[in-house]
C-alpha atoms as a PDB file:
ATOM      1  CA  MET A   1     -18.751 -53.184 -12.719  1.00  0.00           C
ATOM      2  CA  GLN A   2     -15.663 -51.009 -13.172  1.00  0.00           C
ATOM      3  CA  LYS A   3     -12.483 -52.658 -11.978  1.00  0.00           C
ATOM      4  CA  SER A   4     -10.677 -50.702  -9.237  1.00  0.00           C
ATOM      5  CA  VAL A   5      -7.198 -49.465 -10.164  1.00  0.00           C
ATOM      6  CA  GLU A   6      -4.385 -50.743  -7.989  1.00  0.00           C
ATOM      7  CA  TYR A   7      -1.779 -48.217  -6.942  1.00  0.00           C
ATOM      8  CA  PRO A   8       0.899 -48.032  -4.230  1.00  0.00           C
ATOM      9  CA  LYS A   9      -0.680 -46.959  -0.937  1.00  0.00           C
ATOM     10  CA  LYS A  10       2.508 -45.744   0.732  1.00  0.00           C
ATOM     11  CA  VAL A  11       5.182 -43.983  -1.334  1.00  0.00           C
ATOM     12  CA  ALA A  12       8.582 -42.609  -0.339  1.00  0.00           C
ATOM     13  CA  ILE A  13       9.957 -39.624  -2.260  1.00  0.00           C
ATOM     14  CA  ILE A  14      13.716 -39.140  -2.012  1.00  0.00           C
ATOM     15  CA  ARG A  15      14.727 -35.547  -2.716  1.00  0.00           C
ATOM     16  CA  LEU A  16      17.358 -34.614  -0.175  1.00  0.00           C
ATOM     17  CA  SER A  17      18.555 -31.254  -1.517  1.00  0.00           C
ATOM     18  CA  ALA A  18      18.986 -28.509  -2.656  1.00  0.00           C
ATOM     19  CA  MET A  19      16.298 -26.002  -1.697  1.00  0.00           C
ATOM     20  CA  GLY A  20      15.342 -24.939  -5.224  1.00  0.00           C
ATOM     21  CA  ASP A  21      15.105 -28.546  -6.420  1.00  0.00           C
ATOM     22  CA  ILE A  22      13.013 -29.498  -3.392  1.00  0.00           C
ATOM     23  CA  ILE A  23      10.657 -26.587  -4.064  1.00  0.00           C
ATOM     24  CA  HIS A  24      10.298 -27.528  -7.732  1.00  0.00           C
ATOM     25  CA  THR A  25       9.778 -31.225  -6.970  1.00  0.00           C
ATOM     26  CA  ALA A  26       7.071 -30.420  -4.410  1.00  0.00           C
ATOM     27  CA  ALA A  27       4.935 -28.815  -7.140  1.00  0.00           C
ATOM     28  CA  SER A  28       3.897 -32.316  -8.223  1.00  0.00           C
ATOM     29  CA  ILE A  29       2.440 -33.365  -4.868  1.00  0.00           C
ATOM     30  CA  GLN A  30      -0.920 -31.666  -5.373  1.00  0.00           C
ATOM     31  CA  PHE A  31      -1.452 -33.550  -8.631  1.00  0.00           C
ATOM     32  CA  ILE A  32      -0.412 -36.882  -7.130  1.00  0.00           C
ATOM     33  CA  LYS A  33      -2.869 -36.389  -4.261  1.00  0.00           C
ATOM     34  CA  ALA A  34      -5.638 -35.360  -6.652  1.00  0.00           C
ATOM     35  CA  LYS A  35      -5.112 -38.595  -8.589  1.00  0.00           C
ATOM     36  CA  PHE A  36      -4.531 -40.822  -5.529  1.00  0.00           C
ATOM     37  CA  PRO A  37      -6.176 -39.125  -2.515  1.00  0.00           C
ATOM     38  CA  ASP A  38      -5.618 -42.113  -0.222  1.00  0.00           C
ATOM     39  CA  MET A  39      -1.918 -42.459  -1.021  1.00  0.00           C
ATOM     40  CA  LYS A  40       0.416 -41.787   1.904  1.00  0.00           C
ATOM     41  CA  ILE A  41       3.408 -39.708   0.818  1.00  0.00           C
ATOM     42  CA  VAL A  42       6.561 -39.687   2.938  1.00  0.00           C
ATOM     43  CA  TRP A  43       9.331 -37.307   1.851  1.00  0.00           C
ATOM     44  CA  PHE A  44      12.976 -37.922   2.818  1.00  0.00           C
ATOM     45  CA  CYS A  45      14.915 -34.667   3.011  1.00  0.00           C
ATOM     46  CA  ASP A  46      18.147 -33.263   4.430  1.00  0.00           C
ATOM     47  CA  GLU A  47      17.314 -31.623   7.754  1.00  0.00           C
ATOM     48  CA  ALA A  48      18.749 -28.324   6.466  1.00  0.00           C
ATOM     49  CA  PHE A  49      15.785 -28.020   4.070  1.00  0.00           C
ATOM     50  CA  ALA A  50      13.017 -30.023   5.773  1.00  0.00           C
ATOM     51  CA  GLU A  51      11.244 -26.891   7.034  1.00  0.00           C
ATOM     52  CA  ILE A  52      10.415 -25.922   3.435  1.00  0.00           C
ATOM     53  CA  LEU A  53       8.086 -28.949   3.177  1.00  0.00           C
ATOM     54  CA  LYS A  54       6.428 -28.695   6.575  1.00  0.00           C
ATOM     55  CA  TYR A  55       2.759 -27.664   7.042  1.00  0.00           C
ATOM     56  CA  ASN A  56       1.834 -28.975   3.578  1.00  0.00           C
ATOM     57  CA  LEU A  57      -1.081 -31.262   4.464  1.00  0.00           C
ATOM     58  CA  GLU A  58      -0.692 -33.194   1.205  1.00  0.00           C
ATOM     59  CA  ILE A  59       2.704 -34.468   2.392  1.00  0.00           C
ATOM     60  CA  ASP A  60       1.854 -36.982   5.096  1.00  0.00           C
ATOM     61  CA  GLU A  61       5.300 -37.063   6.681  1.00  0.00           C
ATOM     62  CA  VAL A  62       8.680 -35.375   6.257  1.00  0.00           C
ATOM     63  CA  VAL A  63      11.624 -37.502   7.391  1.00  0.00           C
ATOM     64  CA  SER A  64      14.472 -35.170   8.290  1.00  0.00           C
ATOM     65  CA  ILE A  65      17.965 -36.651   7.832  1.00  0.00           C
ATOM     66  CA  PRO A  66      21.125 -34.947   9.234  1.00  0.00           C
ATOM     67  CA  LEU A  67      23.201 -35.490   6.092  1.00  0.00           C
ATOM     68  CA  ARG A  68      24.789 -32.036   6.006  1.00  0.00           C
ATOM     69  CA  SER A  69      25.991 -32.527   9.565  1.00  0.00           C
ATOM     70  CA  LEU A  70      27.579 -35.833   8.546  1.00  0.00           C
ATOM     71  CA  LYS A  71      29.314 -34.190   5.592  1.00  0.00           C
ATOM     72  CA  GLN A  72      30.652 -31.346   7.729  1.00  0.00           C
ATOM     73  CA  LYS A  73      32.115 -33.718  10.298  1.00  0.00           C
ATOM     74  CA  PHE A  74      31.959 -37.446   9.663  1.00  0.00           C
ATOM     75  CA  SER A  75      31.479 -39.855  12.538  1.00  0.00           C
ATOM     76  CA  PHE A  76      30.191 -43.424  12.789  1.00  0.00           C
ATOM     77  CA  LYS A  77      27.844 -42.269  15.534  1.00  0.00           C
ATOM     78  CA  LYS A  78      26.156 -39.830  13.135  1.00  0.00           C
ATOM     79  CA  LEU A  79      26.068 -42.474  10.404  1.00  0.00           C
ATOM     80  CA  LYS A  80      24.427 -44.924  12.791  1.00  0.00           C
ATOM     81  CA  LYS A  81      21.844 -42.293  13.737  1.00  0.00           C
ATOM     82  CA  ILE A  82      20.939 -41.732  10.077  1.00  0.00           C
ATOM     83  CA  TYR A  83      20.676 -45.478   9.466  1.00  0.00           C
ATOM     84  CA  LYS A  84      18.350 -45.821  12.457  1.00  0.00           C
ATOM     85  CA  ILE A  85      16.128 -42.975  11.217  1.00  0.00           C
ATOM     86  CA  LEU A  86      15.827 -44.635   7.814  1.00  0.00           C
ATOM     87  CA  LYS A  87      15.164 -48.143   9.156  1.00  0.00           C
ATOM     88  CA  ASN A  88      12.486 -46.822  11.527  1.00  0.00           C
ATOM     89  CA  SER A  89      10.584 -45.048   8.745  1.00  0.00           C
ATOM     90  CA  GLY A  90       8.462 -48.130   7.981  1.00  0.00           C
ATOM     91  CA  GLU A  91       7.753 -50.144   4.856  1.00  0.00           C
ATOM     92  CA  PHE A  92       6.899 -48.674   1.464  1.00  0.00           C
ATOM     93  CA  ASP A  93       5.073 -50.009  -1.575  1.00  0.00           C
ATOM     94  CA  LEU A  94       7.191 -47.774  -3.815  1.00  0.00           C
ATOM     95  CA  ILE A  95      10.293 -45.615  -3.390  1.00  0.00           C
ATOM     96  CA  ILE A  96      11.029 -42.889  -5.958  1.00  0.00           C
ATOM     97  CA  ASP A  97      14.522 -41.392  -6.024  1.00  0.00           C
ATOM     98  CA  VAL A  98      14.041 -38.044  -7.760  1.00  0.00           C
ATOM     99  CA  GLN A  99      17.619 -36.885  -7.169  1.00  0.00           C
ATOM    100  CA  GLY A 100      19.660 -39.441  -9.099  1.00  0.00           C
ATOM    101  CA  LEU A 101      22.750 -39.283  -6.891  1.00  0.00           C
ATOM    102  CA  LEU A 102      24.617 -42.110  -5.194  1.00  0.00           C
ATOM    103  CA  LYS A 103      23.716 -40.750  -1.731  1.00  0.00           C
ATOM    104  CA  SER A 104      19.992 -40.535  -2.566  1.00  0.00           C
ATOM    105  CA  ALA A 105      20.050 -44.043  -4.066  1.00  0.00           C
ATOM    106  CA  LEU A 106      21.730 -45.374  -0.919  1.00  0.00           C
ATOM    107  CA  VAL A 107      19.056 -43.727   1.245  1.00  0.00           C
ATOM    108  CA  ALA A 108      16.408 -45.352  -0.937  1.00  0.00           C
ATOM    109  CA  ARG A 109      18.056 -48.759  -0.683  1.00  0.00           C
ATOM    110  CA  VAL A 110      18.199 -48.646   3.120  1.00  0.00           C
ATOM    111  CA  ILE A 111      14.435 -48.121   3.340  1.00  0.00           C
ATOM    112  CA  GLY A 112      13.457 -50.693   0.716  1.00  0.00           C
ATOM    113  CA  LYS A 113      14.042 -52.502  -2.576  1.00  0.00           C
ATOM    114  CA  ASN A 114      11.212 -51.400  -4.868  1.00  0.00           C
ATOM    115  CA  ILE A 115      13.043 -48.282  -6.066  1.00  0.00           C
ATOM    116  CA  TYR A 116      12.241 -46.323  -9.222  1.00  0.00           C
ATOM    117  CA  GLY A 117      14.582 -43.662 -10.555  1.00  0.00           C
ATOM    118  CA  LEU A 118      16.305 -42.081 -13.532  1.00  0.00           C
ATOM    119  CA  ASP A 119      18.014 -44.158 -16.198  1.00  0.00           C
ATOM    120  CA  TYR A 120      21.735 -44.202 -16.991  1.00  0.00           C
ATOM    121  CA  PHE A 121      21.499 -41.263 -19.416  1.00  0.00           C
ATOM    122  CA  SER A 122      19.426 -39.099 -17.056  1.00  0.00           C
ATOM    123  CA  ALA A 123      20.983 -39.623 -13.606  1.00  0.00           C
ATOM    124  CA  ARG A 124      23.723 -37.194 -12.572  1.00  0.00           C
ATOM    125  CA  GLU A 125      25.715 -39.978 -10.923  1.00  0.00           C
ATOM    126  CA  LYS A 126      25.617 -43.127 -13.025  1.00  0.00           C
ATOM    127  CA  LEU A 127      26.266 -45.548 -10.147  1.00  0.00           C
ATOM    128  CA  ALA A 128      22.895 -44.583  -8.678  1.00  0.00           C
ATOM    129  CA  VAL A 129      21.022 -46.525 -11.370  1.00  0.00           C
ATOM    130  CA  LEU A 130      22.403 -49.821 -10.034  1.00  0.00           C
ATOM    131  CA  PHE A 131      19.963 -49.500  -7.122  1.00  0.00           C
ATOM    132  CA  TYR A 132      16.827 -48.962  -9.207  1.00  0.00           C
ATOM    133  CA  LYS A 133      14.327 -51.679 -10.047  1.00  0.00           C
ATOM    134  CA  LYS A 134      12.732 -49.550 -12.773  1.00  0.00           C
ATOM    135  CA  LYS A 135      14.345 -46.655 -14.631  1.00  0.00           C
ATOM    136  CA  PHE A 136      12.960 -43.732 -16.611  1.00  0.00           C
ATOM    137  CA  ARG A 137      14.562 -41.369 -19.085  1.00  0.00           C
ATOM    138  CA  VAL A 138      13.971 -37.654 -18.499  1.00  0.00           C
ATOM    139  CA  ASN A 139      15.429 -35.006 -20.806  1.00  0.00           C
ATOM    140  CA  CYS A 140      17.836 -32.797 -18.836  1.00  0.00           C
ATOM    141  CA  LYS A 141      17.052 -29.938 -21.238  1.00  0.00           C
ATOM    142  CA  GLU A 142      13.496 -29.735 -19.901  1.00  0.00           C
ATOM    143  CA  ILE A 143      12.521 -27.143 -17.316  1.00  0.00           C
ATOM    144  CA  ALA A 144      13.207 -28.253 -13.733  1.00  0.00           C
ATOM    145  CA  PRO A 145       9.652 -28.569 -12.294  1.00  0.00           C
ATOM    146  CA  PHE A 146       8.552 -30.574 -15.334  1.00  0.00           C
ATOM    147  CA  ARG A 147      11.616 -32.848 -15.218  1.00  0.00           C
ATOM    148  CA  PHE A 148      10.814 -33.825 -11.648  1.00  0.00           C
ATOM    149  CA  ALA A 149       7.091 -34.117 -12.413  1.00  0.00           C
ATOM    150  CA  LYS A 150       7.878 -36.369 -15.384  1.00  0.00           C
ATOM    151  CA  LEU A 151       9.781 -38.859 -13.239  1.00  0.00           C
ATOM    152  CA  LEU A 152       7.182 -38.884 -10.460  1.00  0.00           C
ATOM    153  CA  SER A 153       4.204 -39.210 -12.792  1.00  0.00           C
ATOM    154  CA  ASN A 154       5.877 -41.903 -14.927  1.00  0.00           C
ATOM    155  CA  ALA A 155       6.692 -43.874 -11.791  1.00  0.00           C
ATOM    156  CA  LEU A 156       3.061 -43.645 -10.673  1.00  0.00           C
ATOM    157  CA  GLY A 157       1.559 -44.303 -14.103  1.00  0.00           C
ATOM    158  CA  PHE A 158      -0.200 -41.030 -14.932  1.00  0.00           C
ATOM    159  CA  GLU A 159       0.594 -37.653 -16.500  1.00  0.00           C
ATOM    160  CA  ILE A 160       1.515 -34.308 -14.993  1.00  0.00           C
ATOM    161  CA  SER A 161       1.637 -31.867 -17.897  1.00  0.00           C
ATOM    162  CA  LYS A 162       3.250 -28.449 -18.198  1.00  0.00           C
ATOM    163  CA  GLU A 163      -0.243 -26.992 -18.453  1.00  0.00           C
ATOM    164  CA  MET A 164      -1.104 -28.515 -15.065  1.00  0.00           C
ATOM    165  CA  LEU A 165       2.026 -27.018 -13.522  1.00  0.00           C
ATOM    166  CA  LEU A 166       1.136 -23.607 -14.924  1.00  0.00           C
ATOM    167  CA  GLU A 167      -2.249 -23.852 -13.188  1.00  0.00           C
ATOM    168  CA  LYS A 168      -0.859 -25.089  -9.853  1.00  0.00           C
ATOM    169  CA  LYS A 169      -2.102 -23.891  -6.483  1.00  0.00           C
ATOM    170  CA  PRO A 170       0.423 -22.237  -4.121  1.00  0.00           C
ATOM    171  CA  TYR A 171       1.999 -25.060  -2.137  1.00  0.00           C
ATOM    172  CA  LEU A 172       4.377 -23.656   0.485  1.00  0.00           C
ATOM    173  CA  PHE A 173       2.875 -23.252   3.955  1.00  0.00           C
ATOM    174  CA  TRP A 174       4.047 -21.798   7.251  1.00  0.00           C
ATOM    175  CA  ASP A 175       3.283 -22.265  10.921  1.00  0.00           C
ATOM    176  CA  LYS A 176       0.102 -20.242  11.533  1.00  0.00           C
ATOM    177  CA  SER A 177       0.593 -20.362  15.303  1.00  0.00           C
ATOM    178  CA  LYS A 178       3.774 -18.241  15.216  1.00  0.00           C
ATOM    179  CA  ASN A 179       4.074 -14.469  15.550  1.00  0.00           C
ATOM    180  CA  TYR A 180       5.418 -12.644  12.476  1.00  0.00           C
ATOM    181  CA  GLU A 181       5.300  -9.084  13.820  1.00  0.00           C
ATOM    182  CA  LEU A 182       8.999  -8.459  13.118  1.00  0.00           C
ATOM    183  CA  ILE A 183       8.599  -9.347   9.430  1.00  0.00           C
ATOM    184  CA  ASN A 184       5.331  -7.381   9.217  1.00  0.00           C
ATOM    185  CA  SER A 185       7.112  -4.292  10.555  1.00  0.00           C
ATOM    186  CA  TYR A 186       9.195  -4.110   7.361  1.00  0.00           C
ATOM    187  CA  PHE A 187       6.124  -3.670   5.145  1.00  0.00           C
ATOM    188  CA  GLU A 188       4.471  -0.357   4.293  1.00  0.00           C
ATOM    189  CA  THR A 189       0.751  -0.184   3.563  1.00  0.00           C
ATOM    190  CA  SER A 190       1.190   2.702   1.116  1.00  0.00           C
ATOM    191  CA  LYS A 191       3.856   1.014  -1.037  1.00  0.00           C
ATOM    192  CA  LYS A 192       4.290  -2.227  -2.918  1.00  0.00           C
ATOM    193  CA  THR A 193       7.140  -4.359  -1.627  1.00  0.00           C
ATOM    194  CA  ILE A 194      10.034  -5.787  -3.647  1.00  0.00           C
ATOM    195  CA  LEU A 195      12.225  -8.494  -2.114  1.00  0.00           C
ATOM    196  CA  LEU A 196      15.811  -8.833  -3.372  1.00  0.00           C
ATOM    197  CA  VAL A 197      17.630 -12.167  -2.967  1.00  0.00           C
ATOM    198  CA  VAL A 198      21.243 -11.111  -3.472  1.00  0.00           C
ATOM    199  CA  GLY A 199      23.194 -14.242  -2.488  1.00  0.00           C
ATOM    200  CA  ALA A 200      23.814 -17.651  -4.061  1.00  0.00           C
ATOM    201  CA  SER A 201      26.017 -20.689  -3.511  1.00  0.00           C
ATOM    202  CA  LYS A 202      28.413 -19.859  -6.365  1.00  0.00           C
ATOM    203  CA  ALA A 203      30.039 -16.573  -7.377  1.00  0.00           C
ATOM    204  CA  SER A 204      29.018 -17.187 -11.010  1.00  0.00           C
ATOM    205  CA  LYS A 205      25.354 -16.942  -9.938  1.00  0.00           C
ATOM    206  CA  ILE A 206      25.629 -13.599  -8.101  1.00  0.00           C
ATOM    207  CA  TYR A 207      24.529 -10.294  -9.609  1.00  0.00           C
ATOM    208  CA  PRO A 208      27.112  -7.530  -8.905  1.00  0.00           C
ATOM    209  CA  LYS A 209      26.709  -5.184  -5.931  1.00  0.00           C
ATOM    210  CA  LYS A 210      26.961  -2.087  -8.111  1.00  0.00           C
ATOM    211  CA  SER A 211      24.182  -3.359 -10.370  1.00  0.00           C
ATOM    212  CA  TRP A 212      21.883  -4.093  -7.418  1.00  0.00           C
ATOM    213  CA  ILE A 213      22.410  -0.538  -6.146  1.00  0.00           C
ATOM    214  CA  GLU A 214      21.539   0.901  -9.557  1.00  0.00           C
ATOM    215  CA  VAL A 215      18.385  -1.246  -9.788  1.00  0.00           C
ATOM    216  CA  ILE A 216      17.291  -0.031  -6.356  1.00  0.00           C
ATOM    217  CA  SER A 217      17.905   3.617  -7.285  1.00  0.00           C
ATOM    218  CA  HIS A 218      15.415   3.326 -10.174  1.00  0.00           C
ATOM    219  CA  LEU A 219      12.824   1.511  -8.033  1.00  0.00           C
ATOM    220  CA  ARG A 220      13.112   3.786  -5.008  1.00  0.00           C
ATOM    221  CA  MET A 221       9.363   4.571  -5.097  1.00  0.00           C
ATOM    222  CA  TYR A 222       8.787   1.034  -3.767  1.00  0.00           C
ATOM    223  CA  ASN A 223       9.461  -0.571  -0.389  1.00  0.00           C
ATOM    224  CA  ILE A 224      12.594  -2.619  -1.068  1.00  0.00           C
ATOM    225  CA  LEU A 225      13.809  -5.356   1.253  1.00  0.00           C
ATOM    226  CA  ILE A 226      16.994  -7.437   1.014  1.00  0.00           C
ATOM    227  CA  LEU A 227      17.203 -11.076   2.051  1.00  0.00           C
ATOM    228  CA  ALA A 228      20.593 -12.572   2.906  1.00  0.00           C
ATOM    229  CA  GLY A 229      21.589 -15.724   4.761  1.00  0.00           C
ATOM    230  CA  ASN A 230      25.135 -16.558   5.784  1.00  0.00           C
ATOM    231  CA  LYS A 231      27.820 -14.145   7.013  1.00  0.00           C
ATOM    232  CA  LYS A 232      29.347 -13.549   3.574  1.00  0.00           C
ATOM    233  CA  GLU A 233      25.947 -12.839   2.010  1.00  0.00           C
ATOM    234  CA  ARG A 234      25.024 -10.459   4.819  1.00  0.00           C
ATOM    235  CA  GLU A 235      28.261  -8.482   4.429  1.00  0.00           C
ATOM    236  CA  PHE A 236      27.508  -8.179   0.706  1.00  0.00           C
ATOM    237  CA  ALA A 237      23.901  -7.149   1.437  1.00  0.00           C
ATOM    238  CA  LYS A 238      24.958  -4.660   4.117  1.00  0.00           C
ATOM    239  CA  GLU A 239      27.037  -2.736   1.599  1.00  0.00           C
ATOM    240  CA  ILE A 240      24.030  -2.563  -0.720  1.00  0.00           C
ATOM    241  CA  GLU A 241      21.870  -1.301   2.147  1.00  0.00           C
ATOM    242  CA  GLU A 242      24.428   1.363   3.088  1.00  0.00           C
ATOM    243  CA  ASN A 243      24.441   2.703  -0.475  1.00  0.00           C
ATOM    244  CA  SER A 244      20.697   2.617  -1.196  1.00  0.00           C
ATOM    245  CA  ILE A 245      17.213   3.020   0.280  1.00  0.00           C
ATOM    246  CA  ALA A 246      16.780  -0.759   0.615  1.00  0.00           C
ATOM    247  CA  LYS A 247      16.425  -2.355   4.062  1.00  0.00           C
ATOM    248  CA  LEU A 248      18.292  -5.504   5.018  1.00  0.00           C
ATOM    249  CA  LEU A 249      16.030  -7.980   6.785  1.00  0.00           C
ATOM    250  CA  PRO A 250      17.248  -9.754   9.926  1.00  0.00           C
ATOM    251  CA  LYS A 251      18.242 -13.399   9.536  1.00  0.00           C
ATOM    252  CA  ILE A 252      15.130 -15.546   9.186  1.00  0.00           C
ATOM    253  CA  ASP A 253      14.471 -19.288   9.113  1.00  0.00           C
ATOM    254  CA  LEU A 254      12.784 -21.228   6.311  1.00  0.00           C
ATOM    255  CA  ASN A 255       9.382 -21.080   7.958  1.00  0.00           C
ATOM    256  CA  GLU A 256       9.628 -17.278   8.123  1.00  0.00           C
ATOM    257  CA  LEU A 257      10.893 -17.193   4.532  1.00  0.00           C
ATOM    258  CA  LYS A 258       7.672 -18.789   3.298  1.00  0.00           C
ATOM    259  CA  TYR A 259       5.582 -16.254   5.209  1.00  0.00           C
ATOM    260  CA  LEU A 260       7.723 -13.351   3.953  1.00  0.00           C
ATOM    261  CA  VAL A 261       7.444 -14.355   0.282  1.00  0.00           C
ATOM    262  CA  SER A 262       3.667 -14.783   0.610  1.00  0.00           C
ATOM    263  CA  LYS A 263       3.382 -11.052   1.451  1.00  0.00           C
ATOM    264  CA  ILE A 264       5.566  -9.435  -1.220  1.00  0.00           C
ATOM    265  CA  ASP A 265       4.541  -7.995  -4.588  1.00  0.00           C
ATOM    266  CA  LEU A 266       7.710  -8.906  -6.501  1.00  0.00           C
ATOM    267  CA  LEU A 267      10.883 -10.894  -5.911  1.00  0.00           C
ATOM    268  CA  ILE A 268      14.097 -10.217  -7.837  1.00  0.00           C
ATOM    269  CA  GLY A 269      16.884 -12.670  -7.206  1.00  0.00           C
ATOM    270  CA  ASN A 270      19.709 -14.858  -8.383  1.00  0.00           C
ATOM    271  CA  ASP A 271      19.073 -18.493  -9.314  1.00  0.00           C
ATOM    272  CA  THR A 272      19.006 -19.808  -5.749  1.00  0.00           C
ATOM    273  CA  GLY A 273      16.566 -21.635  -3.479  1.00  0.00           C
ATOM    274  CA  PRO A 274      14.743 -18.721  -1.780  1.00  0.00           C
ATOM    275  CA  THR A 275      14.147 -17.055  -5.166  1.00  0.00           C
ATOM    276  CA  HIS A 276      12.130 -20.045  -6.399  1.00  0.00           C
ATOM    277  CA  ALA A 277       9.773 -19.784  -3.425  1.00  0.00           C
ATOM    278  CA  ALA A 278       8.048 -16.961  -5.352  1.00  0.00           C
ATOM    279  CA  TRP A 279       7.038 -19.326  -8.183  1.00  0.00           C
ATOM    280  CA  ALA A 280       5.799 -21.880  -5.642  1.00  0.00           C
ATOM    281  CA  LEU A 281       3.602 -19.227  -4.006  1.00  0.00           C
ATOM    282  CA  ASN A 282       2.390 -17.785  -7.340  1.00  0.00           C
ATOM    283  CA  LYS A 283       4.151 -14.500  -6.656  1.00  0.00           C
ATOM    284  CA  ALA A 284       5.753 -12.350  -9.375  1.00  0.00           C
ATOM    285  CA  SER A 285       9.487 -12.863  -9.805  1.00  0.00           C
ATOM    286  CA  ILE A 286      12.492 -12.008 -11.928  1.00  0.00           C
ATOM    287  CA  VAL A 287      15.315 -14.562 -11.828  1.00  0.00           C
ATOM    288  CA  LEU A 288      18.775 -13.455 -12.939  1.00  0.00           C
ATOM    289  CA  PHE A 289      20.817 -16.232 -14.534  1.00  0.00           C
ATOM    290  CA  GLY A 290      24.554 -16.562 -14.971  1.00  0.00           C
ATOM    291  CA  SER A 291      26.248 -19.957 -14.994  1.00  0.00           C
ATOM    292  CA  THR A 292      22.960 -21.878 -14.801  1.00  0.00           C
ATOM    293  CA  PRO A 293      20.413 -22.124 -17.633  1.00  0.00           C
ATOM    294  CA  VAL A 294      16.919 -20.640 -17.652  1.00  0.00           C
ATOM    295  CA  THR A 295      15.563 -24.203 -17.622  1.00  0.00           C
ATOM    296  CA  MET A 296      16.172 -24.128 -13.865  1.00  0.00           C
ATOM    297  CA  MET A 297      12.770 -22.426 -13.551  1.00  0.00           C
ATOM    298  CA  MET A 298       9.329 -22.433 -15.164  1.00  0.00           C
ATOM    299  CA  GLN A 299       8.607 -19.112 -16.808  1.00  0.00           C
ATOM    300  CA  THR A 300       5.067 -17.728 -16.702  1.00  0.00           C
ATOM    301  CA  SER A 301       3.422 -14.386 -17.428  1.00  0.00           C
ATOM    302  CA  LYS A 302       4.660 -13.159 -14.033  1.00  0.00           C
ATOM    303  CA  ASN A 303       7.766 -15.307 -13.462  1.00  0.00           C
ATOM    304  CA  ILE A 304      10.478 -14.061 -15.796  1.00  0.00           C
ATOM    305  CA  ALA A 305      14.034 -15.208 -16.456  1.00  0.00           C
ATOM    306  CA  ILE A 306      16.779 -12.830 -17.575  1.00  0.00           C
ATOM    307  CA  SER A 307      19.813 -14.458 -19.175  1.00  0.00           C
ATOM    308  CA  LEU A 308      22.440 -13.265 -21.636  1.00  0.00           C
ATOM    309  CA  ASP A 309      23.406 -16.793 -22.658  1.00  0.00           C
ATOM    310  CA  PRO A 310      21.055 -18.037 -25.428  1.00  0.00           C
ATOM    311  CA  ASN A 311      23.407 -20.937 -26.208  1.00  0.00           C
ATOM    312  CA  PHE A 312      23.551 -22.295 -22.657  1.00  0.00           C
ATOM    313  CA  ARG A 313      24.415 -25.946 -22.068  1.00  0.00           C
ATOM    314  CA  ALA A 314      21.314 -27.167 -20.249  1.00  0.00           C
ATOM    315  CA  CYS A 315      22.837 -30.378 -18.952  1.00  0.00           C
ATOM    316  CA  ARG A 316      26.225 -29.037 -17.871  1.00  0.00           C
ATOM    317  CA  PHE A 317      26.828 -25.815 -15.980  1.00  0.00           C
ATOM    318  CA  ASP A 318      29.828 -23.626 -16.739  1.00  0.00           C
ATOM    319  CA  LYS A 319      31.054 -22.220 -13.413  1.00  0.00           C
ATOM    320  CA  ASN A 320      33.311 -19.816 -15.296  1.00  0.00           C
ATOM    321  CA  ASN A 321      30.385 -18.162 -17.063  1.00  0.00           C
ATOM    322  CA  LYS A 322      30.249 -14.544 -15.861  1.00  0.00           C
ATOM    323  CA  ASN A 323      27.381 -13.355 -18.052  1.00  0.00           C
ATOM    324  CA  ILE A 324      25.260 -12.417 -15.040  1.00  0.00           C
ATOM    325  CA  GLN A 325      27.622  -9.464 -14.521  1.00  0.00           C
ATOM    326  CA  LYS A 326      26.633  -8.129 -17.952  1.00  0.00           C
ATOM    327  CA  ILE A 327      22.881  -7.952 -17.307  1.00  0.00           C
ATOM    328  CA  LYS A 328      21.965  -4.278 -17.549  1.00  0.00           C
ATOM    329  CA  PRO A 329      20.177  -2.850 -14.509  1.00  0.00           C
ATOM    330  CA  ALA A 330      17.914  -0.966 -16.929  1.00  0.00           C
ATOM    331  CA  LEU A 331      16.562  -4.283 -18.240  1.00  0.00           C
ATOM    332  CA  VAL A 332      15.865  -5.544 -14.714  1.00  0.00           C
ATOM    333  CA  VAL A 333      14.091  -2.283 -13.864  1.00  0.00           C
ATOM    334  CA  LYS A 334      12.025  -2.408 -17.076  1.00  0.00           C
ATOM    335  CA  LYS A 335      10.803  -5.944 -16.319  1.00  0.00           C
ATOM    336  CA  ALA A 336      10.123  -5.038 -12.686  1.00  0.00           C
ATOM    337  CA  LEU A 337       7.965  -2.050 -13.634  1.00  0.00           C
ATOM    338  CA  GLU A 338       6.025  -4.175 -16.125  1.00  0.00           C
ATOM    339  CA  LEU A 339       5.301  -6.827 -13.511  1.00  0.00           C
ATOM    340  CA  LEU A 340       4.391  -4.347 -10.791  1.00  0.00           C
ATOM    341  CA  GLY A 341       2.096  -2.536 -13.199  1.00  0.00           C
ATOM    342  CA  ASN A 342       0.230  -5.782 -13.846  1.00  0.00           C
ATOM    343  CA  GLU A 343      -0.158  -6.767 -10.198  1.00  0.00           C
END
């Protein structure tokens, strides 16, 4: 008689932020569930990004934590609320801190003691490793989805390979009960749609306005939409809209973002969270890189990185790197036409 394999029945995954990292980490869930179908997976996430994970039936529960609110304005009342949320989340057989920061390690420690995480040479904040019962080394030069998969699979005692990630199923889901007529109204049945993600958290990751306008002028035969979030991004995007045929979308939430990206034919964007939703949904994309390395994404036949920095430092980002400003619009257009021709 074959001996049954013991494995943790209830697992906590700690990946609090940021959106792109959450998206890339979530790629592993389908493989974990395929290996351990009865395992209960509970994901701890900053409330600002929790919506990205919702409606994925392979994630049993998403615990939303108001960490950003605490950072914006600290109070003991907010801290007490977070502590209560964590303590009420139940008991876990295993806790995996994918983030490797002091704050993520502290969250892990509040909910339990059996914590696995990155080792001293892999964690971004070295103090975090003091909270881990078992530590794993992951090469920071590896591509992001595989780095996160490597830690999760090592912690659970099986392999998630790059080949498996390349064959992944789309894994972002939206609320099917909601009405998306406003988003649908921006699509044209006679034209393929390109979505531009023009913002990012750092100036060194933003493609210049003039270059976006030139790209749009050469792709004017397509339906081109612009996505922008905060006030500064929307002012930037509005100027692009006023000088091109592109249409600026209204502000949308993360649930609507997932639906939007599922409908497009191509996404062109800076290295920022919404851009990576295309890879997660198996949609064609071009990611423009500046101060961050191309290892922040997994390239495929239809997910392409453009970078002018072949000697990038994979483990340390240079915020003063302005190479994204030197990417020629003609190159972006060339890659876009190739991808749209293959759709």
